[in-house]
Amino acid sequence: MTTTKTVLITGASGGFGKTFTKVFLQAGYHVIATIRQENKKQDVLFGLSEQERRNLTLMFLDVSHDQSVAQFQTALRAYNRIDVLINNAGFAVAGFAEELTIEEYKLQFETNFFGVIRVTNAVLPLMRKQGFGRIINISSISGLVGFPGLSPYVSSKYALEGYSESLRLEVKDFGIDVVLLEPGSFQTNIWTSGTHLSENAGGDASPYKSMFTSINNRMIADREKYGDPIEVGVLALIIAESQRAPSLRYTVGKGVNFMLTLKRLIPWKIWERLVLKQLQKP
C-alpha cells in the first residue's frame, strides 16, 4: 500500500507556482496550493483534469501577514504529513536605490524573505514530528548576481540564500533537507503583473532615466529568449523525488552556469564593464 505524498506550494496562482502545481499533480501528489486572492482560484483550476482537481486543496494565505499565516498553520493541523514545502510566493520591486523608499524595501522583504520564514516555521513542527521533509526555497539568479534597477529584489534573494544555508544546517538532523532553486530568466509574470515599479523610476526628472530606458529595452529584446517555466517545475519534482540527499543549490536557465562561473573567475572591474555594456544594447 502506497501513501500519497503531499506538497505545499505558496503563490500558486501564476508563474512558477502554477507550473509547480500542475507538475506535482501530474506526478500523483496531493497538492496544497495557496493563493492570496479569491479571484485567482480559477487561474489555478484552469486546465486541470477531474482527477487532478480531486488531488488539489486550495487554501488562502498571505505570507506577508502574521495573522494569515497563523490561521493557515491552524488549518494545517488537519494533515498528518507534508513531504515537500515549496516557498514560491514572491514578486519584484523595481527601481533605483536612491529613489526607492525604505517602505518599498520593507514591502519587498515582507513577502520574499519574511514570508518564507513565516511559512517555514508553520510547517517545520510537522516535518520534525514525522521525521522527514524537503523544503525548496525558490530563489533566483538575482540571489547570486546583483543587477541595476532591482536592488530590493536582489537584496531579498541574497537574504534568502543566507537564511537557507543556515536553516539547512539546523534541520539536517531531523531528516529535513533545505534546497535553493535558482532560476534565470523565464516566461513568468513576475516582471509584468508580479512587479511593483517605484513611482519615481525612470521619470523625466530622474538622473537614472537613461539607465531605466536601457534596462527596459534590454528586457523587451530578450523576452523571446526566456526559458519555459516547465524546466523549473520538472527540476523541482526531481529534487522532491530524489532518493539521495539533495544539494543545497540548483541553478536552471540558459547561460546561468556560464554567467556564474564567469563572475567567480574574472576581476570585478571586468565583470562590471560587461554588465554595463549589455545595457547599451540593443
C-alpha atoms as a PDB file:
ATOM      1  CA  MET A   1       0.000   0.000   0.000  1.00  0.00           C
ATOM      2  CA  THR A   2       1.410   3.380  -1.016  1.00  0.00           C
ATOM      3  CA  THR A   3       0.742   6.630   0.784  1.00  0.00           C
ATOM      4  CA  THR A   4       0.081   9.694  -1.349  1.00  0.00           C
ATOM      5  CA  LYS A   5       2.740  12.322  -0.851  1.00  0.00           C
ATOM      6  CA  THR A   6       1.731  15.885  -0.041  1.00  0.00           C
ATOM      7  CA  VAL A   7       3.384  19.054  -1.334  1.00  0.00           C
ATOM      8  CA  LEU A   8       2.578  22.560  -0.108  1.00  0.00           C
ATOM      9  CA  ILE A   9       3.106  25.301  -2.705  1.00  0.00           C
ATOM     10  CA  THR A  10       2.775  29.012  -1.915  1.00  0.00           C
ATOM     11  CA  GLY A  11       1.931  31.593  -4.566  1.00  0.00           C
ATOM     12  CA  ALA A  12       0.228  29.024  -6.779  1.00  0.00           C
ATOM     13  CA  SER A  13      -1.959  31.296  -8.912  1.00  0.00           C
ATOM     14  CA  GLY A  14       0.622  32.165 -11.551  1.00  0.00           C
ATOM     15  CA  GLY A  15       4.177  31.906 -12.812  1.00  0.00           C
ATOM     16  CA  PHE A  16       6.266  29.129 -11.327  1.00  0.00           C
ATOM     17  CA  GLY A  17       3.636  28.409  -8.675  1.00  0.00           C
ATOM     18  CA  LYS A  18       1.048  27.416 -11.240  1.00  0.00           C
ATOM     19  CA  THR A  19       3.642  25.301 -13.052  1.00  0.00           C
ATOM     20  CA  PHE A  20       4.696  23.557  -9.820  1.00  0.00           C
ATOM     21  CA  THR A  21       1.060  22.800  -9.045  1.00  0.00           C
ATOM     22  CA  LYS A  22       0.462  21.197 -12.429  1.00  0.00           C
ATOM     23  CA  VAL A  23       3.710  19.190 -12.438  1.00  0.00           C
ATOM     24  CA  PHE A  24       3.186  17.741  -8.947  1.00  0.00           C
ATOM     25  CA  LEU A  25      -0.473  16.916  -9.611  1.00  0.00           C
ATOM     26  CA  GLN A  26       0.554  15.038 -12.737  1.00  0.00           C
ATOM     27  CA  ALA A  27       3.089  13.137 -10.638  1.00  0.00           C
ATOM     28  CA  GLY A  28       0.301  11.944  -8.325  1.00  0.00           C
ATOM     29  CA  TYR A  29       0.919  14.213  -5.356  1.00  0.00           C
ATOM     30  CA  HIS A  30      -1.757  15.710  -3.157  1.00  0.00           C
ATOM     31  CA  VAL A  31      -1.118  19.417  -3.660  1.00  0.00           C
ATOM     32  CA  ILE A  32      -1.979  22.092  -1.111  1.00  0.00           C
ATOM     33  CA  ALA A  33      -1.815  25.233  -3.229  1.00  0.00           C
ATOM     34  CA  THR A  34      -2.070  28.627  -1.582  1.00  0.00           C
ATOM     35  CA  ILE A  35      -3.378  31.801  -3.178  1.00  0.00           C
ATOM     36  CA  ARG A  36      -3.735  35.295  -1.784  1.00  0.00           C
ATOM     37  CA  GLN A  37      -6.880  36.412  -3.602  1.00  0.00           C
ATOM     38  CA  GLU A  38     -10.263  34.733  -4.099  1.00  0.00           C
ATOM     39  CA  ASN A  39     -10.410  35.801  -7.759  1.00  0.00           C
ATOM     40  CA  LYS A  40      -7.231  33.814  -8.515  1.00  0.00           C
ATOM     41  CA  LYS A  41      -8.887  30.473  -7.784  1.00  0.00           C
ATOM     42  CA  GLN A  42      -9.860  29.803 -11.381  1.00  0.00           C
ATOM     43  CA  ASP A  43      -6.319  30.576 -12.527  1.00  0.00           C
ATOM     44  CA  VAL A  44      -5.133  27.547 -10.581  1.00  0.00           C
ATOM     45  CA  LEU A  45      -8.003  25.274 -11.633  1.00  0.00           C
ATOM     46  CA  PHE A  46      -7.838  26.113 -15.343  1.00  0.00           C
ATOM     47  CA  GLY A  47      -6.669  23.180 -17.451  1.00  0.00           C
ATOM     48  CA  LEU A  48      -6.716  20.612 -14.652  1.00  0.00           C
ATOM     49  CA  SER A  49      -8.380  17.238 -15.137  1.00  0.00           C
ATOM     50  CA  GLU A  50     -11.062  15.973 -12.759  1.00  0.00           C
ATOM     51  CA  GLN A  51      -8.569  13.647 -11.091  1.00  0.00           C
ATOM     52  CA  GLU A  52      -6.071  16.457 -10.647  1.00  0.00           C
ATOM     53  CA  ARG A  53      -8.756  18.663  -9.099  1.00  0.00           C
ATOM     54  CA  ARG A  54      -9.584  15.902  -6.619  1.00  0.00           C
ATOM     55  CA  ASN A  55      -5.946  15.829  -5.559  1.00  0.00           C
ATOM     56  CA  LEU A  56      -5.823  19.610  -5.127  1.00  0.00           C
ATOM     57  CA  THR A  57      -6.606  21.577  -1.976  1.00  0.00           C
ATOM     58  CA  LEU A  58      -6.786  25.345  -2.419  1.00  0.00           C
ATOM     59  CA  MET A  59      -6.116  27.470   0.654  1.00  0.00           C
ATOM     60  CA  PHE A  60      -5.959  31.220   1.111  1.00  0.00           C
ATOM     61  CA  LEU A  61      -2.726  32.597   2.514  1.00  0.00           C
ATOM     62  CA  ASP A  62      -0.995  35.968   2.584  1.00  0.00           C
ATOM     63  CA  VAL A  63       2.580  35.137   3.534  1.00  0.00           C
ATOM     64  CA  SER A  64       3.278  38.780   4.390  1.00  0.00           C
ATOM     65  CA  HIS A  65       0.816  38.842   7.314  1.00  0.00           C
ATOM     66  CA  ASP A  66       1.356  37.089  10.646  1.00  0.00           C
ATOM     67  CA  GLN A  67      -2.357  36.553  11.300  1.00  0.00           C
ATOM     68  CA  SER A  68      -2.955  34.950   7.908  1.00  0.00           C
ATOM     69  CA  VAL A  69      -0.051  32.552   8.444  1.00  0.00           C
ATOM     70  CA  ALA A  70      -1.237  31.750  11.982  1.00  0.00           C
ATOM     71  CA  GLN A  71      -4.702  30.845  10.666  1.00  0.00           C
ATOM     72  CA  PHE A  72      -3.082  28.788   7.933  1.00  0.00           C
ATOM     73  CA  GLN A  73      -0.955  26.902  10.455  1.00  0.00           C
ATOM     74  CA  THR A  74      -4.108  26.037  12.400  1.00  0.00           C
ATOM     75  CA  ALA A  75      -5.689  24.659   9.227  1.00  0.00           C
ATOM     76  CA  LEU A  76      -2.610  22.507   8.614  1.00  0.00           C
ATOM     77  CA  ARG A  77      -3.379  20.518  11.770  1.00  0.00           C
ATOM     78  CA  ALA A  78      -5.820  18.534   9.650  1.00  0.00           C
ATOM     79  CA  TYR A  79      -2.854  16.991   7.809  1.00  0.00           C
ATOM     80  CA  ASN A  80      -0.644  14.255   9.221  1.00  0.00           C
ATOM     81  CA  ARG A  81       2.160  14.738   6.710  1.00  0.00           C
ATOM     82  CA  ILE A  82       3.727  17.279   4.407  1.00  0.00           C
ATOM     83  CA  ASP A  83       6.518  15.779   2.353  1.00  0.00           C
ATOM     84  CA  VAL A  84       7.573  18.887   0.445  1.00  0.00           C
ATOM     85  CA  LEU A  85       7.240  22.630   1.030  1.00  0.00           C
ATOM     86  CA  ILE A  86       7.880  24.903  -1.945  1.00  0.00           C
ATOM     87  CA  ASN A  87       8.268  28.516  -0.801  1.00  0.00           C
ATOM     88  CA  ASN A  88       7.408  30.160  -4.092  1.00  0.00           C
ATOM     89  CA  ALA A  89       5.295  33.227  -3.243  1.00  0.00           C
ATOM     90  CA  GLY A  90       7.114  36.366  -4.308  1.00  0.00           C
ATOM     91  CA  PHE A  91       7.225  39.438  -6.503  1.00  0.00           C
ATOM     92  CA  ALA A  92       9.737  42.081  -7.556  1.00  0.00           C
ATOM     93  CA  VAL A  93      10.107  45.707  -6.528  1.00  0.00           C
ATOM     94  CA  ALA A  94      11.876  47.594  -9.302  1.00  0.00           C
ATOM     95  CA  GLY A  95      13.512  50.992  -9.138  1.00  0.00           C
ATOM     96  CA  PHE A  96      16.829  52.661  -8.384  1.00  0.00           C
ATOM     97  CA  ALA A  97      18.220  52.549  -4.860  1.00  0.00           C
ATOM     98  CA  GLU A  98      18.464  56.312  -4.417  1.00  0.00           C
ATOM     99  CA  GLU A  99      14.841  56.801  -5.480  1.00  0.00           C
ATOM    100  CA  LEU A 100      13.294  53.914  -3.552  1.00  0.00           C
ATOM    101  CA  THR A 101      11.781  54.410  -0.122  1.00  0.00           C
ATOM    102  CA  ILE A 102      12.529  52.306   2.933  1.00  0.00           C
ATOM    103  CA  GLU A 103       8.858  51.324   2.856  1.00  0.00           C
ATOM    104  CA  GLU A 104       9.328  49.819  -0.611  1.00  0.00           C
ATOM    105  CA  TYR A 105      12.266  47.741   0.623  1.00  0.00           C
ATOM    106  CA  LYS A 106      10.172  46.589   3.586  1.00  0.00           C
ATOM    107  CA  LEU A 107       7.320  45.711   1.216  1.00  0.00           C
ATOM    108  CA  GLN A 108       9.713  43.532  -0.770  1.00  0.00           C
ATOM    109  CA  PHE A 109      11.138  41.742   2.239  1.00  0.00           C
ATOM    110  CA  GLU A 110       7.766  41.056   3.882  1.00  0.00           C
ATOM    111  CA  THR A 111       6.885  38.641   1.079  1.00  0.00           C
ATOM    112  CA  ASN A 112      10.147  37.409  -0.424  1.00  0.00           C
ATOM    113  CA  PHE A 113      12.043  36.917   2.826  1.00  0.00           C
ATOM    114  CA  PHE A 114       9.939  37.154   5.967  1.00  0.00           C
ATOM    115  CA  GLY A 115       7.099  35.359   4.172  1.00  0.00           C
ATOM    116  CA  VAL A 116       9.371  32.369   3.622  1.00  0.00           C
ATOM    117  CA  ILE A 117      10.328  32.359   7.296  1.00  0.00           C
ATOM    118  CA  ARG A 118       6.698  32.570   8.440  1.00  0.00           C
ATOM    119  CA  VAL A 119       5.534  29.658   6.295  1.00  0.00           C
ATOM    120  CA  THR A 120       8.606  27.542   7.018  1.00  0.00           C
ATOM    121  CA  ASN A 121       8.122  27.991  10.765  1.00  0.00           C
ATOM    122  CA  ALA A 122       4.484  26.962  10.357  1.00  0.00           C
ATOM    123  CA  VAL A 123       5.453  23.714   8.620  1.00  0.00           C
ATOM    124  CA  LEU A 124       8.629  22.721  10.467  1.00  0.00           C
ATOM    125  CA  PRO A 125       6.904  21.316  13.610  1.00  0.00           C
ATOM    126  CA  LEU A 126       5.014  18.801  11.458  1.00  0.00           C
ATOM    127  CA  MET A 127       8.117  17.876   9.454  1.00  0.00           C
ATOM    128  CA  ARG A 128      10.137  17.382  12.645  1.00  0.00           C
ATOM    129  CA  LYS A 129       7.374  15.232  14.113  1.00  0.00           C
ATOM    130  CA  GLN A 130       7.180  12.997  11.036  1.00  0.00           C
ATOM    131  CA  GLY A 131      10.970  12.807  10.836  1.00  0.00           C
ATOM    132  CA  PHE A 132      11.365  13.834   7.216  1.00  0.00           C
ATOM    133  CA  GLY A 133      10.669  16.628   4.765  1.00  0.00           C
ATOM    134  CA  ARG A 134      12.099  18.664   1.947  1.00  0.00           C
ATOM    135  CA  ILE A 135      11.935  22.463   1.799  1.00  0.00           C
ATOM    136  CA  ILE A 136      12.547  24.023  -1.609  1.00  0.00           C
ATOM    137  CA  ASN A 137      13.039  27.782  -1.451  1.00  0.00           C
ATOM    138  CA  ILE A 138      12.589  29.495  -4.802  1.00  0.00           C
ATOM    139  CA  SER A 139      15.468  31.916  -5.033  1.00  0.00           C
ATOM    140  CA  SER A 140      16.789  33.405  -8.267  1.00  0.00           C
ATOM    141  CA  ILE A 141      19.950  34.100 -10.168  1.00  0.00           C
ATOM    142  CA  SER A 142      19.399  37.501  -8.523  1.00  0.00           C
ATOM    143  CA  GLY A 143      20.336  35.858  -5.235  1.00  0.00           C
ATOM    144  CA  LEU A 144      23.843  35.378  -6.626  1.00  0.00           C
ATOM    145  CA  VAL A 145      24.270  38.310  -9.018  1.00  0.00           C
ATOM    146  CA  GLY A 146      23.271  41.931  -8.468  1.00  0.00           C
ATOM    147  CA  PHE A 147      21.510  43.825 -11.255  1.00  0.00           C
ATOM    148  CA  PRO A 148      20.828  47.574 -11.548  1.00  0.00           C
ATOM    149  CA  GLY A 149      17.249  48.672 -11.028  1.00  0.00           C
ATOM    150  CA  LEU A 150      16.377  45.675  -8.871  1.00  0.00           C
ATOM    151  CA  SER A 151      18.169  46.216  -5.564  1.00  0.00           C
ATOM    152  CA  PRO A 152      15.108  45.371  -3.383  1.00  0.00           C
ATOM    153  CA  TYR A 153      14.502  42.090  -5.213  1.00  0.00           C
ATOM    154  CA  VAL A 154      18.201  41.224  -5.349  1.00  0.00           C
ATOM    155  CA  SER A 155      18.626  42.016  -1.642  1.00  0.00           C
ATOM    156  CA  SER A 156      15.647  39.844  -0.679  1.00  0.00           C
ATOM    157  CA  LYS A 157      17.035  36.896  -2.637  1.00  0.00           C
ATOM    158  CA  TYR A 158      20.534  37.322  -1.222  1.00  0.00           C
ATOM    159  CA  ALA A 159      18.948  37.269   2.252  1.00  0.00           C
ATOM    160  CA  LEU A 160      17.002  34.130   1.323  1.00  0.00           C
ATOM    161  CA  GLU A 161      20.239  32.442   0.278  1.00  0.00           C
ATOM    162  CA  GLY A 162      21.881  33.090   3.650  1.00  0.00           C
ATOM    163  CA  TYR A 163      18.796  32.069   5.611  1.00  0.00           C
ATOM    164  CA  SER A 164      18.530  28.818   3.659  1.00  0.00           C
ATOM    165  CA  GLU A 165      22.179  27.923   4.214  1.00  0.00           C
ATOM    166  CA  SER A 166      21.807  28.347   7.969  1.00  0.00           C
ATOM    167  CA  LEU A 167      18.427  26.595   8.125  1.00  0.00           C
ATOM    168  CA  ARG A 168      19.783  23.605   6.199  1.00  0.00           C
ATOM    169  CA  LEU A 169      22.447  23.060   8.847  1.00  0.00           C
ATOM    170  CA  GLU A 170      19.941  23.440  11.678  1.00  0.00           C
ATOM    171  CA  VAL A 171      17.341  20.930  10.494  1.00  0.00           C
ATOM    172  CA  LYS A 172      19.530  18.271   8.854  1.00  0.00           C
ATOM    173  CA  ASP A 173      19.486  16.041  11.937  1.00  0.00           C
ATOM    174  CA  PHE A 174      15.668  16.000  11.844  1.00  0.00           C
ATOM    175  CA  GLY A 175      15.695  14.371   8.408  1.00  0.00           C
ATOM    176  CA  ILE A 176      14.742  17.631   6.699  1.00  0.00           C
ATOM    177  CA  ASP A 177      16.556  18.900   3.592  1.00  0.00           C
ATOM    178  CA  VAL A 178      16.629  22.575   2.612  1.00  0.00           C
ATOM    179  CA  VAL A 179      17.247  23.385  -1.048  1.00  0.00           C
ATOM    180  CA  LEU A 180      17.658  26.590  -3.045  1.00  0.00           C
ATOM    181  CA  LEU A 181      16.252  26.567  -6.583  1.00  0.00           C
ATOM    182  CA  GLU A 182      17.773  29.451  -8.559  1.00  0.00           C
ATOM    183  CA  PRO A 183      16.135  30.132 -11.941  1.00  0.00           C
ATOM    184  CA  GLY A 184      17.464  32.554 -14.509  1.00  0.00           C
ATOM    185  CA  SER A 185      15.100  34.390 -16.858  1.00  0.00           C
ATOM    186  CA  PHE A 186      11.867  32.541 -17.564  1.00  0.00           C
ATOM    187  CA  GLN A 187       8.499  33.389 -19.065  1.00  0.00           C
ATOM    188  CA  THR A 188       6.651  34.126 -15.839  1.00  0.00           C
ATOM    189  CA  ASN A 189       4.517  37.043 -14.689  1.00  0.00           C
ATOM    190  CA  ILE A 190       6.957  38.326 -12.075  1.00  0.00           C
ATOM    191  CA  TRP A 191       8.143  41.032 -14.470  1.00  0.00           C
ATOM    192  CA  THR A 192       4.611  42.018 -15.517  1.00  0.00           C
ATOM    193  CA  SER A 193       1.773  41.651 -13.014  1.00  0.00           C
ATOM    194  CA  GLY A 194       4.264  40.488 -10.394  1.00  0.00           C
ATOM    195  CA  THR A 195       6.301  43.691 -10.335  1.00  0.00           C
ATOM    196  CA  HIS A 196       5.920  46.777  -8.169  1.00  0.00           C
ATOM    197  CA  LEU A 197       7.570  49.657 -10.029  1.00  0.00           C
ATOM    198  CA  SER A 198       8.582  52.590  -7.868  1.00  0.00           C
ATOM    199  CA  GLU A 199       6.655  55.688  -8.889  1.00  0.00           C
ATOM    200  CA  ASN A 200       9.948  57.569  -9.189  1.00  0.00           C
ATOM    201  CA  ALA A 201      11.627  55.061 -11.513  1.00  0.00           C
ATOM    202  CA  GLY A 202      12.551  56.416 -14.922  1.00  0.00           C
ATOM    203  CA  GLY A 203      10.703  59.714 -14.569  1.00  0.00           C
ATOM    204  CA  ASP A 204      11.649  62.742 -16.645  1.00  0.00           C
ATOM    205  CA  ALA A 205      13.413  64.312 -13.676  1.00  0.00           C
ATOM    206  CA  SER A 206      15.235  61.112 -12.701  1.00  0.00           C
ATOM    207  CA  PRO A 207      19.034  61.070 -13.079  1.00  0.00           C
ATOM    208  CA  TYR A 208      18.590  57.364 -13.873  1.00  0.00           C
ATOM    209  CA  LYS A 209      16.163  57.877 -16.765  1.00  0.00           C
ATOM    210  CA  SER A 210      18.702  56.799 -19.390  1.00  0.00           C
ATOM    211  CA  MET A 211      19.583  53.609 -17.479  1.00  0.00           C
ATOM    212  CA  PHE A 212      15.902  52.868 -16.904  1.00  0.00           C
ATOM    213  CA  THR A 213      15.246  53.109 -20.652  1.00  0.00           C
ATOM    214  CA  SER A 214      18.241  50.884 -21.446  1.00  0.00           C
ATOM    215  CA  ILE A 215      17.187  48.216 -18.942  1.00  0.00           C
ATOM    216  CA  ASN A 216      13.620  48.251 -20.216  1.00  0.00           C
ATOM    217  CA  ASN A 217      14.735  47.944 -23.839  1.00  0.00           C
ATOM    218  CA  ARG A 218      17.090  45.098 -22.906  1.00  0.00           C
ATOM    219  CA  MET A 219      14.321  43.169 -21.155  1.00  0.00           C
ATOM    220  CA  ILE A 220      11.934  43.612 -24.084  1.00  0.00           C
ATOM    221  CA  ALA A 221      14.589  42.484 -26.570  1.00  0.00           C
ATOM    222  CA  ASP A 222      15.488  39.404 -24.500  1.00  0.00           C
ATOM    223  CA  ARG A 223      11.930  38.301 -23.699  1.00  0.00           C
ATOM    224  CA  GLU A 224      11.737  35.805 -26.559  1.00  0.00           C
ATOM    225  CA  LYS A 225      14.899  34.108 -25.229  1.00  0.00           C
ATOM    226  CA  TYR A 226      13.397  33.431 -21.802  1.00  0.00           C
ATOM    227  CA  GLY A 227      13.034  29.768 -20.895  1.00  0.00           C
ATOM    228  CA  ASP A 228       9.889  27.707 -20.404  1.00  0.00           C
ATOM    229  CA  PRO A 229       8.830  27.530 -16.712  1.00  0.00           C
ATOM    230  CA  ILE A 230       8.214  23.793 -17.136  1.00  0.00           C
ATOM    231  CA  GLU A 231      12.011  23.328 -16.876  1.00  0.00           C
ATOM    232  CA  VAL A 232      11.896  24.717 -13.355  1.00  0.00           C
ATOM    233  CA  GLY A 233       8.806  22.674 -12.489  1.00  0.00           C
ATOM    234  CA  VAL A 234      10.418  19.425 -13.612  1.00  0.00           C
ATOM    235  CA  LEU A 235      13.603  20.230 -11.691  1.00  0.00           C
ATOM    236  CA  ALA A 236      11.588  20.871  -8.518  1.00  0.00           C
ATOM    237  CA  LEU A 237       9.922  17.467  -8.925  1.00  0.00           C
ATOM    238  CA  ILE A 238      13.299  15.763  -9.451  1.00  0.00           C
ATOM    239  CA  ILE A 239      14.590  17.384  -6.249  1.00  0.00           C
ATOM    240  CA  ALA A 240      11.476  16.312  -4.350  1.00  0.00           C
ATOM    241  CA  GLU A 241      11.642  12.733  -5.624  1.00  0.00           C
ATOM    242  CA  SER A 242      15.381  12.157  -5.255  1.00  0.00           C
ATOM    243  CA  GLN A 243      16.230   9.248  -3.002  1.00  0.00           C
ATOM    244  CA  ARG A 244      19.615  10.800  -2.305  1.00  0.00           C
ATOM    245  CA  ALA A 245      20.152  13.864  -0.147  1.00  0.00           C
ATOM    246  CA  PRO A 246      19.816  16.869  -2.470  1.00  0.00           C
ATOM    247  CA  SER A 247      22.454  19.531  -2.926  1.00  0.00           C
ATOM    248  CA  LEU A 248      21.981  22.967  -1.411  1.00  0.00           C
ATOM    249  CA  ARG A 249      21.777  24.822  -4.729  1.00  0.00           C
ATOM    250  CA  TYR A 250      20.265  24.045  -8.129  1.00  0.00           C
ATOM    251  CA  THR A 251      20.601  26.640 -10.886  1.00  0.00           C
ATOM    252  CA  VAL A 252      18.490  26.432 -14.018  1.00  0.00           C
ATOM    253  CA  GLY A 253      18.207  28.527 -17.161  1.00  0.00           C
ATOM    254  CA  LYS A 254      20.029  29.280 -20.368  1.00  0.00           C
ATOM    255  CA  GLY A 255      23.506  30.690 -19.780  1.00  0.00           C
ATOM    256  CA  VAL A 256      23.129  30.794 -15.994  1.00  0.00           C
ATOM    257  CA  ASN A 257      26.001  28.470 -15.090  1.00  0.00           C
ATOM    258  CA  PHE A 258      28.320  30.189 -17.554  1.00  0.00           C
ATOM    259  CA  MET A 259      27.459  33.592 -16.098  1.00  0.00           C
ATOM    260  CA  LEU A 260      28.077  32.437 -12.522  1.00  0.00           C
ATOM    261  CA  THR A 261      31.395  30.830 -13.453  1.00  0.00           C
ATOM    262  CA  LEU A 262      32.453  33.977 -15.282  1.00  0.00           C
ATOM    263  CA  LYS A 263      31.576  36.167 -12.298  1.00  0.00           C
ATOM    264  CA  ARG A 264      33.649  33.977  -9.982  1.00  0.00           C
ATOM    265  CA  LEU A 265      36.699  33.892 -12.257  1.00  0.00           C
ATOM    266  CA  ILE A 266      37.117  37.414 -13.592  1.00  0.00           C
ATOM    267  CA  PRO A 267      38.010  40.589 -11.652  1.00  0.00           C
ATOM    268  CA  TRP A 268      35.063  42.724 -10.566  1.00  0.00           C
ATOM    269  CA  LYS A 269      36.098  45.657 -12.786  1.00  0.00           C
ATOM    270  CA  ILE A 270      35.859  43.461 -15.890  1.00  0.00           C
ATOM    271  CA  TRP A 271      32.545  41.976 -14.741  1.00  0.00           C
ATOM    272  CA  GLU A 272      31.206  45.471 -14.140  1.00  0.00           C
ATOM    273  CA  ARG A 273      32.121  46.600 -17.639  1.00  0.00           C
ATOM    274  CA  LEU A 274      30.467  43.543 -19.174  1.00  0.00           C
ATOM    275  CA  VAL A 275      27.202  44.103 -17.282  1.00  0.00           C
ATOM    276  CA  LEU A 276      27.028  47.811 -18.102  1.00  0.00           C
ATOM    277  CA  LYS A 277      27.921  47.098 -21.739  1.00  0.00           C
ATOM    278  CA  GLN A 278      24.940  44.770 -22.000  1.00  0.00           C
ATOM    279  CA  LEU A 279      22.681  47.676 -21.025  1.00  0.00           C
ATOM    280  CA  GLN A 280      23.868  49.613 -24.058  1.00  0.00           C
ATOM    281  CA  LYS A 281      22.218  47.050 -26.344  1.00  0.00           C
ATOM    282  CA  PRO A 282      20.170  46.909 -28.418  1.00  0.00           C
END
